[in-house]
N, C-alpha and C. Protein backbone atom coordinates (compact mmCIF):
# COMPACT_ATOMS: atom_id res chain seq x y z
N MET A 1 -64.52 107.63 -112.26
CA MET A 1 -64.02 109.00 -112.19
C MET A 1 -62.53 108.99 -112.57
N HIS A 2 -62.17 109.95 -113.39
CA HIS A 2 -60.76 110.13 -113.75
C HIS A 2 -60.01 110.52 -112.47
N PRO A 3 -58.79 109.98 -112.26
CA PRO A 3 -58.08 110.27 -111.01
C PRO A 3 -57.80 111.76 -110.78
N LEU A 4 -57.71 112.54 -111.84
CA LEU A 4 -57.47 113.97 -111.66
C LEU A 4 -58.76 114.75 -111.42
N HIS A 5 -59.89 114.05 -111.42
CA HIS A 5 -61.16 114.70 -111.09
C HIS A 5 -61.52 114.45 -109.63
N HIS A 6 -60.66 113.78 -108.90
CA HIS A 6 -60.88 113.55 -107.47
C HIS A 6 -60.92 114.91 -106.76
N PRO A 7 -61.83 115.07 -105.80
CA PRO A 7 -61.95 116.37 -105.11
C PRO A 7 -60.63 116.91 -104.55
N LEU A 8 -59.77 116.05 -104.06
CA LEU A 8 -58.50 116.54 -103.52
C LEU A 8 -57.60 117.11 -104.62
N PHE A 9 -57.62 116.49 -105.80
CA PHE A 9 -56.81 117.04 -106.89
C PHE A 9 -57.44 118.30 -107.46
N ILE A 10 -58.75 118.35 -107.49
CA ILE A 10 -59.43 119.57 -107.92
C ILE A 10 -59.06 120.71 -106.99
N GLN A 11 -59.02 120.43 -105.69
CA GLN A 11 -58.59 121.45 -104.73
C GLN A 11 -57.15 121.88 -105.01
N TYR A 12 -56.29 120.91 -105.36
CA TYR A 12 -54.90 121.22 -105.70
C TYR A 12 -54.86 122.24 -106.83
N ILE A 13 -55.61 121.99 -107.90
CA ILE A 13 -55.63 122.89 -109.05
C ILE A 13 -56.10 124.28 -108.63
N ILE A 14 -57.16 124.33 -107.84
CA ILE A 14 -57.70 125.62 -107.39
C ILE A 14 -56.68 126.37 -106.56
N HIS A 15 -56.06 125.67 -105.61
CA HIS A 15 -55.06 126.34 -104.76
C HIS A 15 -53.88 126.83 -105.60
N PHE A 16 -53.50 126.08 -106.62
CA PHE A 16 -52.37 126.47 -107.47
C PHE A 16 -52.75 127.63 -108.39
N ASN A 17 -53.81 127.43 -109.17
CA ASN A 17 -54.13 128.37 -110.25
C ASN A 17 -54.87 129.63 -109.80
N PHE A 18 -55.64 129.53 -108.75
CA PHE A 18 -56.49 130.67 -108.39
C PHE A 18 -56.07 131.34 -107.08
N ASN A 19 -55.53 130.58 -106.14
CA ASN A 19 -55.16 131.14 -104.84
C ASN A 19 -53.66 131.35 -104.68
N GLU A 20 -52.88 130.69 -105.53
CA GLU A 20 -51.42 130.67 -105.39
C GLU A 20 -51.02 130.25 -103.98
N ASP A 21 -51.77 129.33 -103.42
CA ASP A 21 -51.53 128.81 -102.08
C ASP A 21 -50.84 127.45 -102.22
N TYR A 22 -49.54 127.49 -102.44
CA TYR A 22 -48.76 126.29 -102.73
C TYR A 22 -48.63 125.39 -101.51
N PHE A 23 -48.67 125.98 -100.33
CA PHE A 23 -48.63 125.16 -99.12
C PHE A 23 -49.86 124.27 -99.06
N GLU A 24 -51.02 124.82 -99.37
CA GLU A 24 -52.26 124.04 -99.35
C GLU A 24 -52.25 123.01 -100.47
N CYS A 25 -51.65 123.33 -101.61
CA CYS A 25 -51.49 122.34 -102.69
C CYS A 25 -50.75 121.12 -102.14
N HIS A 26 -49.68 121.38 -101.41
CA HIS A 26 -48.91 120.30 -100.80
C HIS A 26 -49.79 119.49 -99.86
N GLU A 27 -50.57 120.15 -99.03
CA GLU A 27 -51.40 119.46 -98.04
C GLU A 27 -52.42 118.54 -98.71
N VAL A 28 -53.19 119.06 -99.67
CA VAL A 28 -54.23 118.24 -100.30
C VAL A 28 -53.60 117.20 -101.22
N GLY A 29 -52.49 117.57 -101.87
CA GLY A 29 -51.79 116.60 -102.72
C GLY A 29 -51.26 115.44 -101.91
N GLU A 30 -50.70 115.73 -100.75
CA GLU A 30 -50.17 114.66 -99.90
C GLU A 30 -51.28 113.76 -99.38
N GLU A 31 -52.41 114.35 -99.01
CA GLU A 31 -53.54 113.55 -98.54
C GLU A 31 -54.00 112.59 -99.63
N TYR A 32 -54.10 113.08 -100.86
CA TYR A 32 -54.52 112.25 -101.98
C TYR A 32 -53.48 111.15 -102.25
N TRP A 33 -52.21 111.54 -102.28
CA TRP A 33 -51.11 110.59 -102.51
C TRP A 33 -51.12 109.47 -101.47
N LYS A 34 -51.37 109.81 -100.22
CA LYS A 34 -51.40 108.79 -99.16
C LYS A 34 -52.55 107.80 -99.37
N ASN A 35 -53.61 108.24 -100.03
CA ASN A 35 -54.74 107.35 -100.34
C ASN A 35 -54.47 106.48 -101.57
N VAL A 36 -53.73 107.03 -102.53
CA VAL A 36 -53.53 106.36 -103.82
C VAL A 36 -52.26 105.52 -103.86
N ALA A 37 -51.17 106.08 -103.39
CA ALA A 37 -49.86 105.42 -103.55
C ALA A 37 -48.96 105.69 -102.33
N PRO A 38 -49.42 105.31 -101.15
CA PRO A 38 -48.64 105.64 -99.96
C PRO A 38 -47.21 105.11 -100.05
N LYS A 39 -46.29 105.98 -99.72
CA LYS A 39 -44.86 105.67 -99.67
C LYS A 39 -44.20 105.48 -101.04
N ASP A 40 -44.96 105.58 -102.14
CA ASP A 40 -44.38 105.47 -103.48
C ASP A 40 -43.88 106.84 -103.90
N LYS A 41 -42.63 107.12 -103.59
CA LYS A 41 -42.06 108.44 -103.85
C LYS A 41 -41.82 108.71 -105.33
N MET A 42 -41.99 107.71 -106.16
CA MET A 42 -41.83 107.90 -107.61
C MET A 42 -43.17 108.09 -108.32
N HIS A 43 -44.27 108.03 -107.58
CA HIS A 43 -45.59 108.20 -108.17
C HIS A 43 -45.75 109.63 -108.69
N PRO A 44 -46.46 109.82 -109.81
CA PRO A 44 -46.65 111.17 -110.34
C PRO A 44 -47.31 112.14 -109.35
N LEU A 45 -48.15 111.64 -108.45
CA LEU A 45 -48.71 112.55 -107.45
C LEU A 45 -47.61 113.17 -106.59
N ALA A 46 -46.55 112.42 -106.34
CA ALA A 46 -45.41 112.98 -105.61
C ALA A 46 -44.80 114.12 -106.44
N GLY A 47 -44.82 113.99 -107.75
CA GLY A 47 -44.33 115.06 -108.62
C GLY A 47 -45.18 116.32 -108.52
N TRP A 48 -46.49 116.15 -108.48
CA TRP A 48 -47.38 117.30 -108.31
C TRP A 48 -47.10 118.00 -106.97
N ILE A 49 -46.91 117.19 -105.93
CA ILE A 49 -46.61 117.75 -104.61
C ILE A 49 -45.29 118.52 -104.68
N GLN A 50 -44.29 117.93 -105.32
CA GLN A 50 -42.98 118.59 -105.40
C GLN A 50 -43.04 119.88 -106.22
N LEU A 51 -43.90 119.92 -107.21
CA LEU A 51 -44.09 121.16 -107.97
C LEU A 51 -44.59 122.26 -107.03
N ALA A 52 -45.58 121.95 -106.22
CA ALA A 52 -46.12 122.95 -105.28
C ALA A 52 -45.08 123.35 -104.25
N VAL A 53 -44.32 122.39 -103.75
CA VAL A 53 -43.27 122.69 -102.78
C VAL A 53 -42.21 123.59 -103.42
N GLY A 54 -41.88 123.32 -104.66
CA GLY A 54 -40.93 124.17 -105.37
C GLY A 54 -41.42 125.61 -105.47
N MET A 55 -42.70 125.78 -105.78
CA MET A 55 -43.27 127.12 -105.88
C MET A 55 -43.24 127.82 -104.52
N TYR A 56 -43.56 127.07 -103.48
CA TYR A 56 -43.56 127.64 -102.12
C TYR A 56 -42.15 128.10 -101.74
N HIS A 57 -41.16 127.24 -102.00
CA HIS A 57 -39.78 127.59 -101.68
C HIS A 57 -39.30 128.79 -102.52
N TRP A 58 -39.63 128.77 -103.81
CA TRP A 58 -39.20 129.85 -104.68
C TRP A 58 -39.76 131.19 -104.19
N ARG A 59 -41.04 131.21 -103.85
CA ARG A 59 -41.66 132.44 -103.36
C ARG A 59 -40.92 132.97 -102.14
N ARG A 60 -40.40 132.07 -101.31
CA ARG A 60 -39.69 132.45 -100.08
C ARG A 60 -38.19 132.65 -100.32
N SER A 61 -37.77 132.61 -101.58
CA SER A 61 -36.36 132.76 -101.97
C SER A 61 -35.47 131.66 -101.41
N ASN A 62 -36.04 130.50 -101.18
CA ASN A 62 -35.25 129.32 -100.81
C ASN A 62 -34.90 128.63 -102.13
N PHE A 63 -33.90 129.15 -102.80
CA PHE A 63 -33.55 128.67 -104.13
C PHE A 63 -33.07 127.22 -104.15
N PRO A 64 -32.21 126.79 -103.20
CA PRO A 64 -31.80 125.37 -103.22
C PRO A 64 -32.99 124.41 -103.03
N GLY A 65 -33.90 124.74 -102.12
CA GLY A 65 -35.08 123.89 -101.90
C GLY A 65 -35.99 123.86 -103.12
N ALA A 66 -36.16 125.03 -103.74
CA ALA A 66 -36.99 125.11 -104.94
C ALA A 66 -36.37 124.29 -106.07
N LEU A 67 -35.06 124.42 -106.24
CA LEU A 67 -34.39 123.70 -107.32
C LEU A 67 -34.55 122.19 -107.16
N ARG A 68 -34.28 121.67 -105.97
CA ARG A 68 -34.44 120.23 -105.72
C ARG A 68 -35.86 119.78 -106.02
N SER A 69 -36.82 120.54 -105.56
CA SER A 69 -38.23 120.17 -105.75
C SER A 69 -38.62 120.19 -107.21
N PHE A 70 -38.22 121.23 -107.94
CA PHE A 70 -38.57 121.32 -109.36
C PHE A 70 -37.94 120.19 -110.17
N ILE A 71 -36.69 119.87 -109.89
CA ILE A 71 -36.02 118.79 -110.63
C ILE A 71 -36.74 117.47 -110.39
N ARG A 72 -37.09 117.20 -109.14
CA ARG A 72 -37.80 115.95 -108.82
C ARG A 72 -39.18 115.93 -109.46
N ALA A 73 -39.86 117.06 -109.45
CA ALA A 73 -41.19 117.15 -110.06
C ALA A 73 -41.11 116.89 -111.56
N LYS A 74 -40.14 117.48 -112.21
CA LYS A 74 -40.00 117.32 -113.65
C LYS A 74 -39.75 115.86 -114.01
N ASP A 75 -38.91 115.19 -113.24
CA ASP A 75 -38.64 113.77 -113.49
C ASP A 75 -39.93 112.95 -113.43
N LYS A 76 -40.79 113.25 -112.48
CA LYS A 76 -42.01 112.45 -112.29
C LYS A 76 -43.15 112.84 -113.22
N LEU A 77 -43.18 114.09 -113.66
CA LEU A 77 -44.31 114.55 -114.46
C LEU A 77 -44.03 114.55 -115.96
N SER A 78 -42.81 114.23 -116.37
CA SER A 78 -42.47 114.27 -117.79
C SER A 78 -43.21 113.23 -118.62
N ASP A 79 -43.40 112.05 -118.14
CA ASP A 79 -44.17 111.02 -118.85
C ASP A 79 -45.10 110.35 -117.86
N ALA A 80 -46.06 111.11 -117.34
CA ALA A 80 -46.88 110.64 -116.24
C ALA A 80 -48.21 110.03 -116.68
N GLY A 81 -48.44 109.90 -117.98
CA GLY A 81 -49.64 109.24 -118.48
C GLY A 81 -50.92 109.85 -117.95
N VAL A 82 -51.75 109.01 -117.34
CA VAL A 82 -53.07 109.43 -116.86
C VAL A 82 -52.96 110.58 -115.86
N TRP A 83 -51.83 110.71 -115.19
CA TRP A 83 -51.67 111.72 -114.13
C TRP A 83 -51.38 113.12 -114.67
N THR A 84 -51.29 113.24 -115.99
CA THR A 84 -51.20 114.58 -116.59
C THR A 84 -52.22 114.77 -117.71
N GLU A 85 -53.13 113.80 -117.87
CA GLU A 85 -54.19 113.95 -118.87
C GLU A 85 -55.04 115.16 -118.50
N GLY A 86 -55.40 115.92 -119.48
CA GLY A 86 -56.19 117.12 -119.24
C GLY A 86 -55.32 118.36 -119.10
N PHE A 87 -54.02 118.16 -119.10
CA PHE A 87 -53.06 119.26 -119.06
C PHE A 87 -52.26 119.26 -120.35
N ASP A 88 -51.75 120.41 -120.71
CA ASP A 88 -50.79 120.49 -121.82
C ASP A 88 -49.46 120.01 -121.24
N SER A 89 -49.17 118.73 -121.41
CA SER A 89 -47.99 118.11 -120.79
C SER A 89 -46.70 118.76 -121.26
N GLU A 90 -46.65 119.10 -122.54
CA GLU A 90 -45.44 119.73 -123.08
C GLU A 90 -45.21 121.09 -122.41
N LEU A 91 -46.27 121.88 -122.27
CA LEU A 91 -46.14 123.18 -121.62
C LEU A 91 -45.81 123.02 -120.14
N LEU A 92 -46.39 122.03 -119.48
CA LEU A 92 -46.09 121.78 -118.07
C LEU A 92 -44.59 121.52 -117.88
N VAL A 93 -44.01 120.69 -118.75
CA VAL A 93 -42.58 120.40 -118.66
C VAL A 93 -41.77 121.67 -118.98
N GLU A 94 -42.24 122.47 -119.93
CA GLU A 94 -41.57 123.73 -120.24
C GLU A 94 -41.60 124.67 -119.02
N GLN A 95 -42.75 124.72 -118.34
CA GLN A 95 -42.86 125.56 -117.14
C GLN A 95 -41.88 125.09 -116.06
N LEU A 96 -41.78 123.79 -115.89
CA LEU A 96 -40.84 123.26 -114.90
C LEU A 96 -39.40 123.57 -115.29
N SER A 97 -39.08 123.43 -116.57
CA SER A 97 -37.73 123.76 -117.04
C SER A 97 -37.42 125.24 -116.82
N ALA A 98 -38.39 126.09 -117.11
CA ALA A 98 -38.20 127.54 -116.91
C ALA A 98 -38.05 127.86 -115.42
N SER A 99 -38.78 127.14 -114.57
CA SER A 99 -38.66 127.34 -113.13
C SER A 99 -37.28 126.93 -112.64
N ILE A 100 -36.79 125.81 -113.15
CA ILE A 100 -35.44 125.34 -112.79
C ILE A 100 -34.42 126.39 -113.19
N GLN A 101 -34.55 126.92 -114.40
CA GLN A 101 -33.63 127.95 -114.88
C GLN A 101 -33.72 129.21 -114.01
N ALA A 102 -34.93 129.62 -113.69
CA ALA A 102 -35.13 130.85 -112.91
C ALA A 102 -34.54 130.73 -111.51
N VAL A 103 -34.75 129.61 -110.84
CA VAL A 103 -34.20 129.49 -109.48
C VAL A 103 -32.69 129.28 -109.52
N THR A 104 -32.19 128.66 -110.58
CA THR A 104 -30.74 128.51 -110.74
C THR A 104 -30.10 129.89 -110.86
N GLU A 105 -30.77 130.78 -111.56
CA GLU A 105 -30.28 132.15 -111.74
C GLU A 105 -30.72 133.08 -110.61
N ARG A 106 -31.44 132.52 -109.63
CA ARG A 106 -31.93 133.27 -108.47
C ARG A 106 -32.79 134.47 -108.87
N ARG A 107 -33.66 134.21 -109.86
CA ARG A 107 -34.60 135.25 -110.28
C ARG A 107 -35.75 135.36 -109.30
N GLU A 108 -36.39 136.50 -109.33
CA GLU A 108 -37.54 136.77 -108.47
C GLU A 108 -38.67 135.79 -108.81
N PHE A 109 -39.44 135.42 -107.80
CA PHE A 109 -40.56 134.50 -107.96
C PHE A 109 -41.54 135.03 -109.00
N SER A 110 -42.07 134.10 -109.79
CA SER A 110 -43.06 134.43 -110.79
C SER A 110 -44.08 133.30 -110.85
N ALA A 111 -45.29 133.60 -110.42
CA ALA A 111 -46.36 132.59 -110.42
C ALA A 111 -46.82 132.31 -111.85
N TYR A 112 -47.32 131.12 -112.06
CA TYR A 112 -47.93 130.75 -113.33
C TYR A 112 -49.05 129.77 -113.05
N ARG A 113 -49.87 129.53 -114.04
CA ARG A 113 -50.99 128.61 -113.89
C ARG A 113 -50.66 127.27 -114.51
N LEU A 114 -51.20 126.23 -113.92
CA LEU A 114 -51.10 124.91 -114.53
C LEU A 114 -51.89 124.94 -115.83
N PRO A 115 -51.34 124.37 -116.91
CA PRO A 115 -51.99 124.48 -118.22
C PRO A 115 -53.10 123.44 -118.43
N VAL A 116 -54.26 123.72 -117.86
CA VAL A 116 -55.42 122.84 -118.03
C VAL A 116 -55.95 123.05 -119.45
N ILE A 117 -56.06 121.95 -120.20
CA ILE A 117 -56.58 122.05 -121.57
C ILE A 117 -57.88 121.26 -121.75
N SER A 118 -58.20 120.43 -120.78
CA SER A 118 -59.43 119.65 -120.87
C SER A 118 -60.62 120.50 -120.44
N ASP A 119 -61.59 120.63 -121.34
CA ASP A 119 -62.81 121.38 -121.01
C ASP A 119 -63.52 120.72 -119.84
N GLU A 120 -63.51 119.39 -119.82
CA GLU A 120 -64.19 118.66 -118.74
C GLU A 120 -63.52 118.95 -117.40
N LEU A 121 -62.20 118.89 -117.35
CA LEU A 121 -61.48 119.18 -116.11
C LEU A 121 -61.71 120.63 -115.68
N ALA A 122 -61.66 121.55 -116.62
CA ALA A 122 -61.91 122.97 -116.30
C ALA A 122 -63.31 123.16 -115.74
N GLN A 123 -64.27 122.43 -116.28
CA GLN A 123 -65.65 122.53 -115.80
C GLN A 123 -65.77 121.99 -114.38
N VAL A 124 -65.13 120.86 -114.10
CA VAL A 124 -65.15 120.28 -112.76
C VAL A 124 -64.55 121.27 -111.75
N VAL A 125 -63.46 121.92 -112.15
CA VAL A 125 -62.82 122.92 -111.28
C VAL A 125 -63.79 124.08 -111.02
N GLN A 126 -64.43 124.60 -112.07
CA GLN A 126 -65.35 125.72 -111.92
C GLN A 126 -66.54 125.35 -111.04
N GLU A 127 -67.08 124.15 -111.23
CA GLU A 127 -68.21 123.71 -110.41
C GLU A 127 -67.81 123.58 -108.95
N TYR A 128 -66.62 123.03 -108.70
CA TYR A 128 -66.15 122.88 -107.32
C TYR A 128 -66.00 124.26 -106.67
N MET A 129 -65.44 125.20 -107.42
CA MET A 129 -65.25 126.55 -106.88
C MET A 129 -66.59 127.22 -106.58
N ALA A 130 -67.57 127.00 -107.43
CA ALA A 130 -68.90 127.59 -107.21
C ALA A 130 -69.55 127.02 -105.96
N ASP A 131 -69.35 125.72 -105.73
CA ASP A 131 -69.95 125.06 -104.56
C ASP A 131 -69.15 125.27 -103.28
N ASN A 132 -67.89 125.66 -103.40
CA ASN A 132 -66.99 125.79 -102.25
C ASN A 132 -66.19 127.08 -102.35
N PRO A 133 -66.85 128.22 -102.13
CA PRO A 133 -66.11 129.48 -102.25
C PRO A 133 -64.98 129.52 -101.22
N GLY A 134 -63.82 129.90 -101.70
CA GLY A 134 -62.65 129.93 -100.82
C GLY A 134 -62.50 131.27 -100.15
N GLU A 135 -61.57 131.30 -99.22
CA GLU A 135 -61.27 132.55 -98.53
C GLU A 135 -60.06 133.20 -99.19
N SER A 136 -60.00 134.49 -99.09
CA SER A 136 -58.87 135.23 -99.64
C SER A 136 -57.80 135.36 -98.56
N LEU A 137 -56.56 135.04 -98.91
CA LEU A 137 -55.46 135.10 -97.95
C LEU A 137 -54.47 136.16 -98.39
N ASP A 138 -53.90 136.88 -97.43
CA ASP A 138 -52.93 137.90 -97.80
C ASP A 138 -51.58 137.28 -98.16
N ALA A 139 -50.79 138.06 -98.89
CA ALA A 139 -49.52 137.57 -99.43
C ALA A 139 -48.56 137.14 -98.33
N HIS A 140 -48.52 137.87 -97.23
CA HIS A 140 -47.61 137.52 -96.12
C HIS A 140 -47.96 136.14 -95.57
N PHE A 141 -49.24 135.90 -95.35
CA PHE A 141 -49.66 134.60 -94.82
C PHE A 141 -49.33 133.49 -95.80
N LEU A 142 -49.58 133.70 -97.09
CA LEU A 142 -49.28 132.68 -98.09
C LEU A 142 -47.79 132.35 -98.14
N MET A 143 -46.96 133.38 -97.96
CA MET A 143 -45.52 133.19 -98.03
C MET A 143 -44.97 132.44 -96.82
N HIS A 144 -45.58 132.64 -95.66
CA HIS A 144 -45.06 132.08 -94.41
C HIS A 144 -46.05 131.14 -93.74
N LYS A 145 -46.90 130.52 -94.52
CA LYS A 145 -48.00 129.73 -93.99
C LYS A 145 -47.53 128.60 -93.07
N HIS A 146 -46.40 127.97 -93.40
CA HIS A 146 -45.93 126.85 -92.58
C HIS A 146 -45.59 127.30 -91.17
N ARG A 147 -45.29 128.57 -90.97
CA ARG A 147 -44.98 129.09 -89.64
C ARG A 147 -46.18 129.72 -88.96
N LEU A 148 -47.12 130.25 -89.74
CA LEU A 148 -48.22 131.04 -89.19
C LEU A 148 -49.51 130.26 -88.97
N ARG A 149 -49.59 129.06 -89.51
CA ARG A 149 -50.84 128.29 -89.37
C ARG A 149 -50.98 127.76 -87.94
N ASP A 150 -52.18 127.37 -87.60
CA ASP A 150 -52.45 126.77 -86.28
C ASP A 150 -51.86 125.37 -86.26
N ARG A 151 -50.90 125.14 -85.40
CA ARG A 151 -50.20 123.86 -85.32
C ARG A 151 -50.63 123.03 -84.11
N THR A 152 -51.71 123.40 -83.46
CA THR A 152 -52.15 122.72 -82.24
C THR A 152 -52.33 121.22 -82.46
N SER A 153 -52.99 120.83 -83.52
CA SER A 153 -53.24 119.40 -83.75
C SER A 153 -51.93 118.65 -84.00
N ILE A 154 -51.00 119.27 -84.69
CA ILE A 154 -49.71 118.63 -84.96
C ILE A 154 -48.94 118.43 -83.65
N ILE A 155 -48.92 119.45 -82.83
CA ILE A 155 -48.22 119.37 -81.53
C ILE A 155 -48.87 118.31 -80.64
N ASN A 156 -50.19 118.27 -80.63
CA ASN A 156 -50.89 117.26 -79.81
C ASN A 156 -50.57 115.84 -80.28
N LEU A 157 -50.53 115.62 -81.59
CA LEU A 157 -50.18 114.29 -82.10
C LEU A 157 -48.76 113.89 -81.71
N ARG A 158 -47.84 114.82 -81.80
CA ARG A 158 -46.46 114.53 -81.40
C ARG A 158 -46.38 114.17 -79.92
N GLU A 159 -47.11 114.89 -79.10
CA GLU A 159 -47.12 114.61 -77.66
C GLU A 159 -47.70 113.22 -77.38
N GLN A 160 -48.76 112.85 -78.09
CA GLN A 160 -49.36 111.52 -77.92
C GLN A 160 -48.37 110.44 -78.30
N LYS A 161 -47.63 110.62 -79.39
CA LYS A 161 -46.63 109.65 -79.83
C LYS A 161 -45.53 109.52 -78.78
N LYS A 162 -45.09 110.63 -78.23
CA LYS A 162 -44.04 110.60 -77.21
C LYS A 162 -44.51 109.79 -76.00
N ARG A 163 -45.73 110.03 -75.57
CA ARG A 163 -46.26 109.31 -74.40
C ARG A 163 -46.36 107.81 -74.66
N ARG A 164 -46.75 107.45 -75.89
CA ARG A 164 -46.84 106.02 -76.22
C ARG A 164 -45.47 105.35 -76.25
N ASN A 165 -44.46 106.11 -76.64
CA ASN A 165 -43.12 105.54 -76.76
C ASN A 165 -42.36 105.51 -75.45
N LEU A 166 -42.89 106.09 -74.39
CA LEU A 166 -42.20 106.08 -73.09
C LEU A 166 -42.37 104.79 -72.37
């Protein structure tokens, strides 16, 4: 299987292109990255994650956070080989450059789609979506998801770590 056909990366594409749920892109991207290249912050998957983080920050008008994320993403995705196969790599870099320019100028958020050019990758995405219909989320929740999501499991894990360290 091509690494970009992995179910977690397919979910990344769906969350980015169809749901504009950049927080979830970060979540599934990070899970995949931890399986493929844990702690390798220069791996192209880290670039994909940073692209999603940049979009999330930009939507929330966190221009400095968006700028840092987009610059890091561009560095990692500019010559990423297999990790950008199936995408129009030139257009992807152009989109990142335009995003950097837009947040530098503090322009209003503008969503765009990842430029999938592989028919095979597009088919895998469509099949996954047909088998796993997603839920529709409102714009407010998408914009503030890191604050509004259920954090019970995160809080419980932190409490367990504290108890172990005592």
